[in-house]
Amino acid sequence: MTHLLLALSGAALGGFLATLGEYWIHRGMHNKMMLSKRHADHHRQGEGQGVFWEFFDYSIGSLVGVGALAGADYAWLTGGWLFGGALGGVVAHAIFAAWAHQAQHEDARLCPWMTMPVHFVHHKLGQSRHNFGISVDWWDKVFGTYKYDPQWRRFVDETAPRRAFWQVDWRDNRRPAS
């Protein structure tokens, strides 16, 4: 039972810290020193790259966080259960964040756990200094970068059929640039 509690605690900690990493990495991408051509192109195009490729990108960022957690695990005390759980939590977050990112580019109505789908609004209103969250909005609220727009729904096509959660682009099906 102790091992299960350690693994579940690690998963919760890993997932929670991954949301923080997601926020700070995205916020850093809007800093002039970290703004890459790829991220600038992403904002120009206003599209996701498919859940699979988003997951690949989030996984790379998550590995940094897992490395930090490995140092804090004291595996010799927990037998690696805390680290293993944290790894599972970070991977689960990477899958969820990849899906949430793609969903907000395709149909923001798929994210009802947020008062306002922050990544969707971040793009639609060109907010380079606000709403850096992707899977959650609480870090924007904590760090003062949450900017609520009561009219955000004006950008949502309410006449379009509501998609099911699995009906997002799982692969990158964008047409290649000609």
C-alpha atoms as a PDB file:
ATOM      1  CA  MET A   1       0.000   0.000   0.000  1.00  0.00           C
ATOM      2  CA  THR A   2       2.882   2.371   0.770  1.00  0.00           C
ATOM      3  CA  HIS A   3       4.312   1.847  -2.721  1.00  0.00           C
ATOM      4  CA  LEU A   4       0.966   2.662  -4.303  1.00  0.00           C
ATOM      5  CA  LEU A   5       0.673   5.856  -2.234  1.00  0.00           C
ATOM      6  CA  LEU A   6       4.202   6.866  -3.205  1.00  0.00           C
ATOM      7  CA  ALA A   7       3.472   6.243  -6.903  1.00  0.00           C
ATOM      8  CA  LEU A   8       0.158   8.131  -6.773  1.00  0.00           C
ATOM      9  CA  SER A   9       1.778  10.995  -4.878  1.00  0.00           C
ATOM     10  CA  GLY A  10       4.553  11.088  -7.446  1.00  0.00           C
ATOM     11  CA  ALA A  11       2.020  11.084 -10.299  1.00  0.00           C
ATOM     12  CA  ALA A  12       0.084  13.964  -8.770  1.00  0.00           C
ATOM     13  CA  LEU A  13       3.287  15.908  -8.102  1.00  0.00           C
ATOM     14  CA  GLY A  14       4.676  15.188 -11.571  1.00  0.00           C
ATOM     15  CA  GLY A  15       1.456  16.222 -13.327  1.00  0.00           C
ATOM     16  CA  PHE A  16       1.099  19.355 -11.199  1.00  0.00           C
ATOM     17  CA  LEU A  17       4.697  20.466 -11.761  1.00  0.00           C
ATOM     18  CA  ALA A  18       4.335  19.735 -15.482  1.00  0.00           C
ATOM     19  CA  THR A  19       1.507  22.282 -15.692  1.00  0.00           C
ATOM     20  CA  LEU A  20       3.844  24.823 -14.102  1.00  0.00           C
ATOM     21  CA  GLY A  21       6.590  23.944 -16.573  1.00  0.00           C
ATOM     22  CA  GLU A  22       4.132  24.241 -19.462  1.00  0.00           C
ATOM     23  CA  TYR A  23       3.216  27.753 -18.302  1.00  0.00           C
ATOM     24  CA  TRP A  24       6.804  28.987 -17.849  1.00  0.00           C
ATOM     25  CA  ILE A  25       8.121  27.427 -21.052  1.00  0.00           C
ATOM     26  CA  HIS A  26       5.295  28.989 -23.081  1.00  0.00           C
ATOM     27  CA  ARG A  27       5.752  32.313 -21.302  1.00  0.00           C
ATOM     28  CA  GLY A  28       9.473  32.119 -22.028  1.00  0.00           C
ATOM     29  CA  MET A  29       8.722  31.534 -25.701  1.00  0.00           C
ATOM     30  CA  HIS A  30       7.226  35.022 -25.759  1.00  0.00           C
ATOM     31  CA  ASN A  31      10.345  36.554 -24.252  1.00  0.00           C
ATOM     32  CA  LYS A  32      12.467  38.133 -26.985  1.00  0.00           C
ATOM     33  CA  MET A  33      15.443  35.984 -26.011  1.00  0.00           C
ATOM     34  CA  MET A  34      13.509  32.713 -26.313  1.00  0.00           C
ATOM     35  CA  LEU A  35      11.109  33.566 -29.143  1.00  0.00           C
ATOM     36  CA  SER A  36      11.944  31.064 -31.840  1.00  0.00           C
ATOM     37  CA  LYS A  37      11.019  31.286 -35.488  1.00  0.00           C
ATOM     38  CA  ARG A  38       9.017  28.091 -35.030  1.00  0.00           C
ATOM     39  CA  HIS A  39       6.862  29.573 -32.270  1.00  0.00           C
ATOM     40  CA  ALA A  40       6.448  32.829 -34.187  1.00  0.00           C
ATOM     41  CA  ASP A  41       5.315  30.788 -37.216  1.00  0.00           C
ATOM     42  CA  HIS A  42       2.885  28.916 -34.971  1.00  0.00           C
ATOM     43  CA  HIS A  43       1.296  32.224 -34.005  1.00  0.00           C
ATOM     44  CA  ARG A  44       1.230  33.435 -37.583  1.00  0.00           C
ATOM     45  CA  GLN A  45      -0.464  30.236 -38.802  1.00  0.00           C
ATOM     46  CA  GLY A  46      -2.714  29.863 -35.755  1.00  0.00           C
ATOM     47  CA  GLU A  47      -2.827  26.073 -36.020  1.00  0.00           C
ATOM     48  CA  GLY A  48      -1.745  23.141 -33.929  1.00  0.00           C
ATOM     49  CA  GLN A  49       0.469  20.449 -35.374  1.00  0.00           C
ATOM     50  CA  GLY A  50      -1.635  17.450 -34.380  1.00  0.00           C
ATOM     51  CA  VAL A  51      -1.779  15.730 -30.995  1.00  0.00           C
ATOM     52  CA  PHE A  52       1.038  13.293 -31.811  1.00  0.00           C
ATOM     53  CA  TRP A  53       3.557  16.016 -32.716  1.00  0.00           C
ATOM     54  CA  GLU A  54       2.394  18.249 -29.862  1.00  0.00           C
ATOM     55  CA  PHE A  55       2.954  15.290 -27.503  1.00  0.00           C
ATOM     56  CA  PHE A  56       6.443  14.830 -28.931  1.00  0.00           C
ATOM     57  CA  ASP A  57       7.271  18.491 -28.180  1.00  0.00           C
ATOM     58  CA  TYR A  58       5.746  18.407 -24.684  1.00  0.00           C
ATOM     59  CA  SER A  59       7.592  15.174 -23.920  1.00  0.00           C
ATOM     60  CA  ILE A  60      10.944  16.806 -24.642  1.00  0.00           C
ATOM     61  CA  GLY A  61      10.105  19.615 -22.194  1.00  0.00           C
ATOM     62  CA  SER A  62       8.809  17.093 -19.696  1.00  0.00           C
ATOM     63  CA  LEU A  63      12.080  15.168 -19.693  1.00  0.00           C
ATOM     64  CA  VAL A  64      13.767  18.197 -18.155  1.00  0.00           C
ATOM     65  CA  GLY A  65      11.182  18.192 -15.363  1.00  0.00           C
ATOM     66  CA  VAL A  66      11.539  14.449 -14.846  1.00  0.00           C
ATOM     67  CA  GLY A  67      15.286  14.896 -14.507  1.00  0.00           C
ATOM     68  CA  ALA A  68      14.711  17.453 -11.771  1.00  0.00           C
ATOM     69  CA  LEU A  69      12.273  15.136 -10.027  1.00  0.00           C
ATOM     70  CA  ALA A  70      14.746  12.260 -10.225  1.00  0.00           C
ATOM     71  CA  GLY A  71      17.198  14.292  -8.194  1.00  0.00           C
ATOM     72  CA  ALA A  72      14.518  15.009  -5.606  1.00  0.00           C
ATOM     73  CA  ASP A  73      13.234  11.427  -5.415  1.00  0.00           C
ATOM     74  CA  TYR A  74      15.868   9.922  -3.182  1.00  0.00           C
ATOM     75  CA  ALA A  75      15.262   6.643  -4.992  1.00  0.00           C
ATOM     76  CA  TRP A  76      17.314   4.854  -2.394  1.00  0.00           C
ATOM     77  CA  LEU A  77      14.582   5.753   0.154  1.00  0.00           C
ATOM     78  CA  THR A  78      11.480   5.120  -1.953  1.00  0.00           C
ATOM     79  CA  GLY A  79      12.756   2.384  -4.220  1.00  0.00           C
ATOM     80  CA  GLY A  80      11.957   4.592  -7.194  1.00  0.00           C
ATOM     81  CA  TRP A  81       8.189   4.525  -6.574  1.00  0.00           C
ATOM     82  CA  LEU A  82       7.907   8.279  -6.224  1.00  0.00           C
ATOM     83  CA  PHE A  83      10.004   8.850  -9.354  1.00  0.00           C
ATOM     84  CA  GLY A  84       8.081   6.210 -11.321  1.00  0.00           C
ATOM     85  CA  GLY A  85       4.792   7.812 -10.352  1.00  0.00           C
ATOM     86  CA  ALA A  86       6.125  11.264 -11.241  1.00  0.00           C
ATOM     87  CA  LEU A  87       7.225   9.981 -14.630  1.00  0.00           C
ATOM     88  CA  GLY A  88       3.722   8.604 -15.193  1.00  0.00           C
ATOM     89  CA  GLY A  89       2.164  11.913 -14.128  1.00  0.00           C
ATOM     90  CA  VAL A  90       4.416  13.898 -16.435  1.00  0.00           C
ATOM     91  CA  VAL A  91       3.657  11.624 -19.402  1.00  0.00           C
ATOM     92  CA  ALA A  92      -0.080  11.820 -18.654  1.00  0.00           C
ATOM     93  CA  HIS A  93       0.194  15.611 -18.563  1.00  0.00           C
ATOM     94  CA  ALA A  94       2.105  15.667 -21.872  1.00  0.00           C
ATOM     95  CA  ILE A  95      -0.696  13.670 -23.522  1.00  0.00           C
ATOM     96  CA  PHE A  96      -3.379  15.902 -21.990  1.00  0.00           C
ATOM     97  CA  ALA A  97      -1.558  19.161 -22.820  1.00  0.00           C
ATOM     98  CA  ALA A  98      -0.965  18.024 -26.418  1.00  0.00           C
ATOM     99  CA  TRP A  99      -4.654  17.232 -26.783  1.00  0.00           C
ATOM    100  CA  ALA A 100      -5.758  20.489 -25.067  1.00  0.00           C
ATOM    101  CA  HIS A 101      -3.493  22.526 -27.331  1.00  0.00           C
ATOM    102  CA  GLN A 102      -4.851  20.915 -30.485  1.00  0.00           C
ATOM    103  CA  ALA A 103      -8.448  21.115 -29.201  1.00  0.00           C
ATOM    104  CA  GLN A 104      -8.179  24.856 -28.549  1.00  0.00           C
ATOM    105  CA  HIS A 105      -6.981  25.403 -32.102  1.00  0.00           C
ATOM    106  CA  GLU A 106      -9.834  23.352 -33.551  1.00  0.00           C
ATOM    107  CA  ASP A 107     -12.851  23.810 -31.253  1.00  0.00           C
ATOM    108  CA  ALA A 108     -12.393  25.742 -28.000  1.00  0.00           C
ATOM    109  CA  ARG A 109     -15.709  24.358 -26.747  1.00  0.00           C
ATOM    110  CA  LEU A 110     -13.868  21.110 -26.023  1.00  0.00           C
ATOM    111  CA  CYS A 111     -12.233  22.678 -22.931  1.00  0.00           C
ATOM    112  CA  PRO A 112     -15.113  23.289 -20.489  1.00  0.00           C
ATOM    113  CA  TRP A 113     -12.912  22.947 -17.358  1.00  0.00           C
ATOM    114  CA  MET A 114     -11.605  26.464 -18.007  1.00  0.00           C
ATOM    115  CA  THR A 115     -13.813  29.539 -17.634  1.00  0.00           C
ATOM    116  CA  MET A 116     -12.224  30.741 -20.845  1.00  0.00           C
ATOM    117  CA  PRO A 117      -9.928  28.548 -23.019  1.00  0.00           C
ATOM    118  CA  VAL A 118      -6.807  30.616 -22.426  1.00  0.00           C
ATOM    119  CA  HIS A 119      -4.670  29.308 -25.265  1.00  0.00           C
ATOM    120  CA  PHE A 120      -7.488  29.902 -27.735  1.00  0.00           C
ATOM    121  CA  VAL A 121      -7.865  33.510 -26.547  1.00  0.00           C
ATOM    122  CA  HIS A 122      -4.061  33.940 -26.425  1.00  0.00           C
ATOM    123  CA  HIS A 123      -4.045  33.296 -30.173  1.00  0.00           C
ATOM    124  CA  LYS A 124      -7.295  34.927 -31.252  1.00  0.00           C
ATOM    125  CA  LEU A 125      -6.545  38.221 -29.477  1.00  0.00           C
ATOM    126  CA  GLY A 126      -2.794  38.210 -30.146  1.00  0.00           C
ATOM    127  CA  GLN A 127      -1.994  38.223 -26.431  1.00  0.00           C
ATOM    128  CA  SER A 128       1.776  37.912 -26.331  1.00  0.00           C
ATOM    129  CA  ARG A 129       1.848  38.954 -22.640  1.00  0.00           C
ATOM    130  CA  HIS A 130      -1.206  37.099 -21.331  1.00  0.00           C
ATOM    131  CA  ASN A 131      -2.806  33.657 -21.079  1.00  0.00           C
ATOM    132  CA  PHE A 132       0.216  31.377 -21.409  1.00  0.00           C
ATOM    133  CA  GLY A 133      -1.517  28.291 -20.020  1.00  0.00           C
ATOM    134  CA  ILE A 134      -2.382  25.507 -22.387  1.00  0.00           C
ATOM    135  CA  SER A 135      -3.990  22.741 -20.363  1.00  0.00           C
ATOM    136  CA  VAL A 136      -4.987  24.834 -17.325  1.00  0.00           C
ATOM    137  CA  ASP A 137      -5.524  28.492 -16.559  1.00  0.00           C
ATOM    138  CA  TRP A 138      -4.588  28.600 -12.870  1.00  0.00           C
ATOM    139  CA  TRP A 139      -0.922  29.587 -13.355  1.00  0.00           C
ATOM    140  CA  ASP A 140      -1.981  32.631 -15.362  1.00  0.00           C
ATOM    141  CA  LYS A 141      -4.187  33.579 -12.420  1.00  0.00           C
ATOM    142  CA  VAL A 142      -1.416  32.953  -9.886  1.00  0.00           C
ATOM    143  CA  PHE A 143       1.221  34.946 -11.810  1.00  0.00           C
ATOM    144  CA  GLY A 144      -1.080  37.770 -12.926  1.00  0.00           C
ATOM    145  CA  THR A 145      -1.048  37.026 -16.654  1.00  0.00           C
ATOM    146  CA  TYR A 146      -4.697  35.939 -16.892  1.00  0.00           C
ATOM    147  CA  LYS A 147      -6.653  38.368 -19.024  1.00  0.00           C
ATOM    148  CA  TYR A 148     -10.343  37.565 -19.254  1.00  0.00           C
ATOM    149  CA  ASP A 149     -12.250  38.748 -22.312  1.00  0.00           C
ATOM    150  CA  PRO A 150     -16.000  38.353 -21.730  1.00  0.00           C
ATOM    151  CA  GLN A 151     -16.531  38.383 -25.484  1.00  0.00           C
ATOM    152  CA  TRP A 152     -14.190  35.468 -26.259  1.00  0.00           C
ATOM    153  CA  ARG A 153     -17.074  33.420 -27.602  1.00  0.00           C
ATOM    154  CA  ARG A 154     -17.408  35.796 -30.554  1.00  0.00           C
ATOM    155  CA  PHE A 155     -14.500  33.861 -32.062  1.00  0.00           C
ATOM    156  CA  VAL A 156     -16.249  30.496 -31.648  1.00  0.00           C
ATOM    157  CA  ASP A 157     -18.466  29.212 -34.434  1.00  0.00           C
ATOM    158  CA  GLU A 158     -21.466  28.164 -32.344  1.00  0.00           C
ATOM    159  CA  THR A 159     -23.248  26.945 -35.497  1.00  0.00           C
ATOM    160  CA  ALA A 160     -20.590  24.299 -36.196  1.00  0.00           C
ATOM    161  CA  PRO A 161     -21.433  20.825 -34.910  1.00  0.00           C
ATOM    162  CA  ARG A 162     -19.795  20.224 -31.542  1.00  0.00           C
ATOM    163  CA  ARG A 163     -16.980  17.747 -31.886  1.00  0.00           C
ATOM    164  CA  ALA A 164     -16.433  14.773 -29.640  1.00  0.00           C
ATOM    165  CA  PHE A 165     -13.148  14.885 -27.727  1.00  0.00           C
ATOM    166  CA  TRP A 166     -11.538  12.298 -30.010  1.00  0.00           C
ATOM    167  CA  GLN A 167     -12.399  14.237 -33.169  1.00  0.00           C
ATOM    168  CA  VAL A 168      -9.321  16.435 -33.151  1.00  0.00           C
ATOM    169  CA  ASP A 169      -6.404  16.164 -35.539  1.00  0.00           C
ATOM    170  CA  TRP A 170      -4.190  13.453 -34.069  1.00  0.00           C
ATOM    171  CA  ARG A 171      -1.645  13.734 -36.872  1.00  0.00           C
ATOM    172  CA  ASP A 172      -0.516  16.861 -38.663  1.00  0.00           C
ATOM    173  CA  ASN A 173      -2.862  17.014 -41.635  1.00  0.00           C
ATOM    174  CA  ARG A 174      -2.026  20.574 -42.660  1.00  0.00           C
ATOM    175  CA  ARG A 175      -1.194  21.023 -46.300  1.00  0.00           C
ATOM    176  CA  PRO A 176       2.521  21.508 -46.953  1.00  0.00           C
ATOM    177  CA  ALA A 177       3.491  25.063 -47.874  1.00  0.00           C
ATOM    178  CA  SER A 178       3.770  25.498 -51.624  1.00  0.00           C
END
